[in-house]
Amino acid sequence: MFLRTIEPAEAEGEVAAIYAGEMASMGSVMQATQCWTARPDILAPVEHLLHQIRDGFSLGLLNFRLITLVAARHVPSSYCSHVYFKVLSGMIGREQALAVQRDYRNAGLTDQQVAMLAYAEQITLDASRISQEDIDALRAVGLTDLNIADIALAASFRNFLSRYFDAVGAQAEPEFLDGDLNVREELAVGGR
């Protein structure tokens, strides 16, 4: 990490409560959480918004995480690529997660998921190029306006988070790094 942040032993108040929740659920405090404490007043609102988007995601947790992996690849963000590859591997299996990372269009996903990920990818690459025709194509595969708004929120928020993590030097924790050094290198899309 490039910045000085609040260590778990130093945490007080709201930061300590957030750290304690993460310690209880994960056994440690992730750099993705700790890095916000260079501005401790920002940690709680960011955490709240992340949980609100993820927990209320109209297409379910799996699709939220698929969007996150694809967006992270194109930001590019090594941190989020490592973390979400590992998380998705636990949900859909390592081989399918690797297929999604390499080319989601040929990873055995549904047509709706492919359209969802193409939209998330375009948001990450250049959202200014999205047109009414793109939205109509999403509706044609059965996505509602709520779904489309959720995809845009998830991809856009991931762009924000991933860019911040890289800007302050957050590094993926060892437990998120794949055991295969070639896969690990492939996921290190941001040069870390």
C-alpha atoms as a PDB file:
ATOM      1  CA  MET A   1       0.000   0.000   0.000  1.00  0.00           C
ATOM      2  CA  PHE A   2       1.365   3.390  -0.959  1.00  0.00           C
ATOM      3  CA  LEU A   3      -0.504   5.325   1.746  1.00  0.00           C
ATOM      4  CA  ARG A   4      -0.517   5.113   5.512  1.00  0.00           C
ATOM      5  CA  THR A   5      -3.825   3.651   6.615  1.00  0.00           C
ATOM      6  CA  ILE A   6      -5.391   2.690   9.919  1.00  0.00           C
ATOM      7  CA  GLU A   7      -4.113  -0.677  11.094  1.00  0.00           C
ATOM      8  CA  PRO A   8      -6.609  -3.009  12.774  1.00  0.00           C
ATOM      9  CA  ALA A   9      -4.960  -2.523  16.194  1.00  0.00           C
ATOM     10  CA  GLU A  10      -5.311   1.286  15.839  1.00  0.00           C
ATOM     11  CA  ALA A  11      -8.932   1.342  14.664  1.00  0.00           C
ATOM     12  CA  GLU A  12     -11.599   3.148  16.663  1.00  0.00           C
ATOM     13  CA  GLY A  13     -15.299   3.860  16.312  1.00  0.00           C
ATOM     14  CA  GLU A  14     -16.912   3.174  12.939  1.00  0.00           C
ATOM     15  CA  VAL A  15     -13.646   1.993  11.375  1.00  0.00           C
ATOM     16  CA  ALA A  16     -13.138  -0.497  14.221  1.00  0.00           C
ATOM     17  CA  ALA A  17     -16.699  -1.800  13.756  1.00  0.00           C
ATOM     18  CA  ILE A  18     -16.193  -2.333  10.017  1.00  0.00           C
ATOM     19  CA  TYR A  19     -12.836  -4.016  10.640  1.00  0.00           C
ATOM     20  CA  ALA A  20     -14.386  -6.263  13.302  1.00  0.00           C
ATOM     21  CA  GLY A  21     -17.108  -7.358  10.886  1.00  0.00           C
ATOM     22  CA  GLU A  22     -14.542  -8.238   8.261  1.00  0.00           C
ATOM     23  CA  MET A  23     -12.359 -10.048  10.804  1.00  0.00           C
ATOM     24  CA  ALA A  24     -15.376 -12.093  11.900  1.00  0.00           C
ATOM     25  CA  SER A  25     -16.361 -13.044   8.352  1.00  0.00           C
ATOM     26  CA  MET A  26     -12.934 -13.395   6.711  1.00  0.00           C
ATOM     27  CA  GLY A  27     -10.361 -13.693   9.470  1.00  0.00           C
ATOM     28  CA  SER A  28      -8.527 -10.533   8.386  1.00  0.00           C
ATOM     29  CA  VAL A  29      -9.030  -7.012   7.092  1.00  0.00           C
ATOM     30  CA  MET A  30      -8.563  -6.781   3.333  1.00  0.00           C
ATOM     31  CA  GLN A  31      -6.418  -4.054   1.831  1.00  0.00           C
ATOM     32  CA  ALA A  32      -9.515  -3.165  -0.209  1.00  0.00           C
ATOM     33  CA  THR A  33     -11.149  -2.114   3.057  1.00  0.00           C
ATOM     34  CA  GLN A  34      -8.113  -0.708   4.821  1.00  0.00           C
ATOM     35  CA  CYS A  35      -7.052   1.504   1.906  1.00  0.00           C
ATOM     36  CA  TRP A  36     -10.068   3.789   2.425  1.00  0.00           C
ATOM     37  CA  THR A  37      -8.857   4.756   5.891  1.00  0.00           C
ATOM     38  CA  ALA A  38      -6.392   7.304   4.555  1.00  0.00           C
ATOM     39  CA  ARG A  39      -9.751   9.158   4.513  1.00  0.00           C
ATOM     40  CA  PRO A  40     -11.555   7.364   7.362  1.00  0.00           C
ATOM     41  CA  ASP A  41     -14.765   9.341   6.815  1.00  0.00           C
ATOM     42  CA  ILE A  42     -15.109   7.698   3.382  1.00  0.00           C
ATOM     43  CA  LEU A  43     -14.890   4.048   4.497  1.00  0.00           C
ATOM     44  CA  ALA A  44     -18.452   3.683   5.847  1.00  0.00           C
ATOM     45  CA  PRO A  45     -20.233   5.349   2.894  1.00  0.00           C
ATOM     46  CA  VAL A  46     -18.240   3.287   0.375  1.00  0.00           C
ATOM     47  CA  GLU A  47     -18.898   0.057   2.278  1.00  0.00           C
ATOM     48  CA  HIS A  48     -22.587   0.921   2.591  1.00  0.00           C
ATOM     49  CA  LEU A  49     -22.966   1.649  -1.120  1.00  0.00           C
ATOM     50  CA  LEU A  50     -21.095  -1.517  -2.112  1.00  0.00           C
ATOM     51  CA  HIS A  51     -23.343  -3.645   0.099  1.00  0.00           C
ATOM     52  CA  GLN A  52     -26.476  -1.849  -1.102  1.00  0.00           C
ATOM     53  CA  ILE A  53     -25.600  -2.450  -4.784  1.00  0.00           C
ATOM     54  CA  ARG A  54     -24.434  -6.047  -4.258  1.00  0.00           C
ATOM     55  CA  ASP A  55     -27.056  -7.226  -1.786  1.00  0.00           C
ATOM     56  CA  GLY A  56     -29.950  -5.699  -3.729  1.00  0.00           C
ATOM     57  CA  PHE A  57     -28.619  -6.712  -7.160  1.00  0.00           C
ATOM     58  CA  SER A  58     -31.644  -7.746  -9.220  1.00  0.00           C
ATOM     59  CA  LEU A  59     -29.764 -10.422 -11.187  1.00  0.00           C
ATOM     60  CA  GLY A  60     -28.287 -12.218  -8.180  1.00  0.00           C
ATOM     61  CA  LEU A  61     -24.861 -12.498  -6.581  1.00  0.00           C
ATOM     62  CA  LEU A  62     -23.337 -14.702  -9.291  1.00  0.00           C
ATOM     63  CA  ASN A  63     -24.073 -12.160 -12.014  1.00  0.00           C
ATOM     64  CA  PHE A  64     -22.813  -9.314  -9.811  1.00  0.00           C
ATOM     65  CA  ARG A  65     -19.519 -11.170  -9.438  1.00  0.00           C
ATOM     66  CA  LEU A  66     -19.311 -12.002 -13.155  1.00  0.00           C
ATOM     67  CA  ILE A  67     -19.684  -8.287 -13.929  1.00  0.00           C
ATOM     68  CA  THR A  68     -17.022  -7.455 -11.361  1.00  0.00           C
ATOM     69  CA  LEU A  69     -14.500  -9.876 -12.888  1.00  0.00           C
ATOM     70  CA  VAL A  70     -15.083  -8.634 -16.440  1.00  0.00           C
ATOM     71  CA  ALA A  71     -14.949  -4.969 -15.419  1.00  0.00           C
ATOM     72  CA  ALA A  72     -11.769  -5.573 -13.389  1.00  0.00           C
ATOM     73  CA  ARG A  73     -10.116  -7.173 -16.395  1.00  0.00           C
ATOM     74  CA  HIS A  74     -10.780  -4.118 -18.532  1.00  0.00           C
ATOM     75  CA  VAL A  75     -10.056  -1.372 -15.966  1.00  0.00           C
ATOM     76  CA  PRO A  76      -7.469  -3.118 -15.680  1.00  0.00           C
ATOM     77  CA  SER A  77      -7.119  -4.075 -12.012  1.00  0.00           C
ATOM     78  CA  SER A  78      -4.960  -6.896 -10.750  1.00  0.00           C
ATOM     79  CA  TYR A  79      -6.377  -6.607  -7.233  1.00  0.00           C
ATOM     80  CA  CYS A  80     -10.011  -7.080  -8.249  1.00  0.00           C
ATOM     81  CA  SER A  81      -9.133  -9.658 -10.917  1.00  0.00           C
ATOM     82  CA  HIS A  82      -7.382 -11.884  -8.354  1.00  0.00           C
ATOM     83  CA  VAL A  83     -10.080 -11.487  -5.703  1.00  0.00           C
ATOM     84  CA  TYR A  84     -13.080 -12.043  -7.961  1.00  0.00           C
ATOM     85  CA  PHE A  85     -11.453 -14.887  -9.894  1.00  0.00           C
ATOM     86  CA  LYS A  86     -10.969 -16.696  -6.585  1.00  0.00           C
ATOM     87  CA  VAL A  87     -14.512 -15.932  -5.405  1.00  0.00           C
ATOM     88  CA  LEU A  88     -16.058 -16.981  -8.731  1.00  0.00           C
ATOM     89  CA  SER A  89     -13.975 -20.162  -8.783  1.00  0.00           C
ATOM     90  CA  GLY A  90     -15.744 -21.148  -5.575  1.00  0.00           C
ATOM     91  CA  MET A  91     -19.135 -20.496  -7.179  1.00  0.00           C
ATOM     92  CA  ILE A  92     -18.808 -21.847 -10.730  1.00  0.00           C
ATOM     93  CA  GLY A  93     -15.571 -23.828 -10.641  1.00  0.00           C
ATOM     94  CA  ARG A  94     -12.063 -22.733 -11.469  1.00  0.00           C
ATOM     95  CA  GLU A  95     -12.149 -23.785 -15.136  1.00  0.00           C
ATOM     96  CA  GLN A  96     -15.319 -21.857 -15.947  1.00  0.00           C
ATOM     97  CA  ALA A  97     -14.051 -18.824 -14.010  1.00  0.00           C
ATOM     98  CA  LEU A  98     -10.871 -18.980 -16.074  1.00  0.00           C
ATOM     99  CA  ALA A  99     -12.949 -19.250 -19.268  1.00  0.00           C
ATOM    100  CA  VAL A 100     -14.930 -16.151 -18.227  1.00  0.00           C
ATOM    101  CA  GLN A 101     -11.703 -14.274 -17.509  1.00  0.00           C
ATOM    102  CA  ARG A 102     -10.257 -15.176 -20.905  1.00  0.00           C
ATOM    103  CA  ASP A 103     -13.376 -14.777 -23.084  1.00  0.00           C
ATOM    104  CA  TYR A 104     -16.800 -14.623 -21.458  1.00  0.00           C
ATOM    105  CA  ARG A 105     -18.446 -14.958 -24.894  1.00  0.00           C
ATOM    106  CA  ASN A 106     -17.191 -18.542 -25.100  1.00  0.00           C
ATOM    107  CA  ALA A 107     -17.425 -19.559 -21.437  1.00  0.00           C
ATOM    108  CA  GLY A 108     -20.707 -21.495 -21.435  1.00  0.00           C
ATOM    109  CA  LEU A 109     -22.786 -18.601 -20.131  1.00  0.00           C
ATOM    110  CA  THR A 110     -26.361 -17.846 -21.154  1.00  0.00           C
ATOM    111  CA  ASP A 111     -27.120 -15.367 -23.941  1.00  0.00           C
ATOM    112  CA  GLN A 112     -28.456 -12.991 -21.307  1.00  0.00           C
ATOM    113  CA  GLN A 113     -25.241 -13.208 -19.271  1.00  0.00           C
ATOM    114  CA  VAL A 114     -23.120 -12.617 -22.375  1.00  0.00           C
ATOM    115  CA  ALA A 115     -25.186  -9.531 -23.247  1.00  0.00           C
ATOM    116  CA  MET A 116     -24.930  -8.327 -19.632  1.00  0.00           C
ATOM    117  CA  LEU A 117     -21.138  -8.729 -19.649  1.00  0.00           C
ATOM    118  CA  ALA A 118     -20.761  -7.055 -23.047  1.00  0.00           C
ATOM    119  CA  TYR A 119     -22.622  -4.055 -21.626  1.00  0.00           C
ATOM    120  CA  ALA A 120     -20.436  -4.039 -18.493  1.00  0.00           C
ATOM    121  CA  GLU A 121     -17.343  -4.293 -20.681  1.00  0.00           C
ATOM    122  CA  GLN A 122     -18.479  -1.327 -22.821  1.00  0.00           C
ATOM    123  CA  ILE A 123     -19.171   0.735 -19.703  1.00  0.00           C
ATOM    124  CA  THR A 124     -15.614   0.058 -18.572  1.00  0.00           C
ATOM    125  CA  LEU A 125     -13.985   0.708 -21.943  1.00  0.00           C
ATOM    126  CA  ASP A 126     -16.025   3.753 -23.031  1.00  0.00           C
ATOM    127  CA  ALA A 127     -19.527   4.337 -21.692  1.00  0.00           C
ATOM    128  CA  SER A 128     -19.961   7.368 -23.956  1.00  0.00           C
ATOM    129  CA  ARG A 129     -20.393   5.010 -26.907  1.00  0.00           C
ATOM    130  CA  ILE A 130     -23.459   3.272 -25.468  1.00  0.00           C
ATOM    131  CA  SER A 131     -26.583   3.993 -27.496  1.00  0.00           C
ATOM    132  CA  GLN A 132     -30.316   3.352 -27.354  1.00  0.00           C
ATOM    133  CA  GLU A 133     -29.722   0.374 -29.653  1.00  0.00           C
ATOM    134  CA  ASP A 134     -27.438  -1.181 -27.014  1.00  0.00           C
ATOM    135  CA  ILE A 135     -30.168  -0.821 -24.395  1.00  0.00           C
ATOM    136  CA  ASP A 136     -32.785  -2.232 -26.775  1.00  0.00           C
ATOM    137  CA  ALA A 137     -30.532  -5.259 -27.372  1.00  0.00           C
ATOM    138  CA  LEU A 138     -30.381  -5.840 -23.608  1.00  0.00           C
ATOM    139  CA  ARG A 139     -34.165  -5.675 -23.394  1.00  0.00           C
ATOM    140  CA  ALA A 140     -34.375  -8.155 -26.300  1.00  0.00           C
ATOM    141  CA  VAL A 141     -32.646 -10.822 -24.171  1.00  0.00           C
ATOM    142  CA  GLY A 142     -35.117 -10.259 -21.330  1.00  0.00           C
ATOM    143  CA  LEU A 143     -33.325  -7.703 -19.179  1.00  0.00           C
ATOM    144  CA  THR A 144     -35.574  -5.132 -17.513  1.00  0.00           C
ATOM    145  CA  ASP A 145     -34.741  -1.494 -16.959  1.00  0.00           C
ATOM    146  CA  LEU A 146     -34.023  -2.347 -13.311  1.00  0.00           C
ATOM    147  CA  ASN A 147     -31.602  -5.067 -14.444  1.00  0.00           C
ATOM    148  CA  ILE A 148     -29.910  -2.688 -16.883  1.00  0.00           C
ATOM    149  CA  ALA A 149     -29.582  -0.010 -14.198  1.00  0.00           C
ATOM    150  CA  ASP A 150     -28.093  -2.581 -11.813  1.00  0.00           C
ATOM    151  CA  ILE A 151     -25.557  -3.726 -14.417  1.00  0.00           C
ATOM    152  CA  ALA A 152     -24.551  -0.106 -15.030  1.00  0.00           C
ATOM    153  CA  LEU A 153     -24.244   0.506 -11.273  1.00  0.00           C
ATOM    154  CA  ALA A 154     -22.184  -2.634 -10.665  1.00  0.00           C
ATOM    155  CA  ALA A 155     -19.800  -1.989 -13.562  1.00  0.00           C
ATOM    156  CA  SER A 156     -19.429   1.736 -12.877  1.00  0.00           C
ATOM    157  CA  PHE A 157     -18.889   1.244  -9.148  1.00  0.00           C
ATOM    158  CA  ARG A 158     -16.307  -1.471  -9.833  1.00  0.00           C
ATOM    159  CA  ASN A 159     -14.473   0.954 -12.112  1.00  0.00           C
ATOM    160  CA  PHE A 160     -14.378   3.485  -9.270  1.00  0.00           C
ATOM    161  CA  LEU A 161     -13.255   0.954  -6.656  1.00  0.00           C
ATOM    162  CA  SER A 162     -10.659  -0.759  -8.827  1.00  0.00           C
ATOM    163  CA  ARG A 163      -9.084   2.474  -9.969  1.00  0.00           C
ATOM    164  CA  TYR A 164      -8.845   3.704  -6.370  1.00  0.00           C
ATOM    165  CA  PHE A 165      -7.298   0.426  -5.163  1.00  0.00           C
ATOM    166  CA  ASP A 166      -4.606   0.634  -7.840  1.00  0.00           C
ATOM    167  CA  ALA A 167      -4.040   4.353  -7.278  1.00  0.00           C
ATOM    168  CA  VAL A 168      -3.205   3.784  -3.595  1.00  0.00           C
ATOM    169  CA  GLY A 169      -1.267   0.536  -4.109  1.00  0.00           C
ATOM    170  CA  ALA A 170      -3.590  -2.102  -2.665  1.00  0.00           C
ATOM    171  CA  GLN A 171      -2.165  -5.581  -3.228  1.00  0.00           C
ATOM    172  CA  ALA A 172      -4.140  -8.823  -3.424  1.00  0.00           C
ATOM    173  CA  GLU A 173      -3.769 -10.864  -0.264  1.00  0.00           C
ATOM    174  CA  PRO A 174      -1.969 -14.230  -0.636  1.00  0.00           C
ATOM    175  CA  GLU A 175      -5.175 -16.200  -0.060  1.00  0.00           C
ATOM    176  CA  PHE A 176      -6.633 -14.702  -3.253  1.00  0.00           C
ATOM    177  CA  LEU A 177      -3.662 -15.580  -5.464  1.00  0.00           C
ATOM    178  CA  ASP A 178      -4.111 -18.632  -7.666  1.00  0.00           C
ATOM    179  CA  GLY A 179      -1.735 -21.533  -7.070  1.00  0.00           C
ATOM    180  CA  ASP A 180      -0.825 -21.722 -10.777  1.00  0.00           C
ATOM    181  CA  LEU A 181       1.819 -19.075 -11.480  1.00  0.00           C
ATOM    182  CA  ASN A 182       0.726 -18.780 -15.125  1.00  0.00           C
ATOM    183  CA  VAL A 183      -2.868 -18.040 -14.095  1.00  0.00           C
ATOM    184  CA  ARG A 184      -1.598 -15.654 -11.426  1.00  0.00           C
ATOM    185  CA  GLU A 185       0.403 -13.791 -14.053  1.00  0.00           C
ATOM    186  CA  GLU A 186      -2.606 -13.703 -16.401  1.00  0.00           C
ATOM    187  CA  LEU A 187      -4.735 -12.154 -13.669  1.00  0.00           C
ATOM    188  CA  ALA A 188      -2.069  -9.548 -12.900  1.00  0.00           C
ATOM    189  CA  VAL A 189      -3.604  -7.352 -15.578  1.00  0.00           C
ATOM    190  CA  GLY A 190      -2.530  -4.094 -13.985  1.00  0.00           C
ATOM    191  CA  GLY A 191       1.133  -4.979 -13.865  1.00  0.00           C
ATOM    192  CA  ARG A 192       1.137  -6.116 -10.220  1.00  0.00           C
END
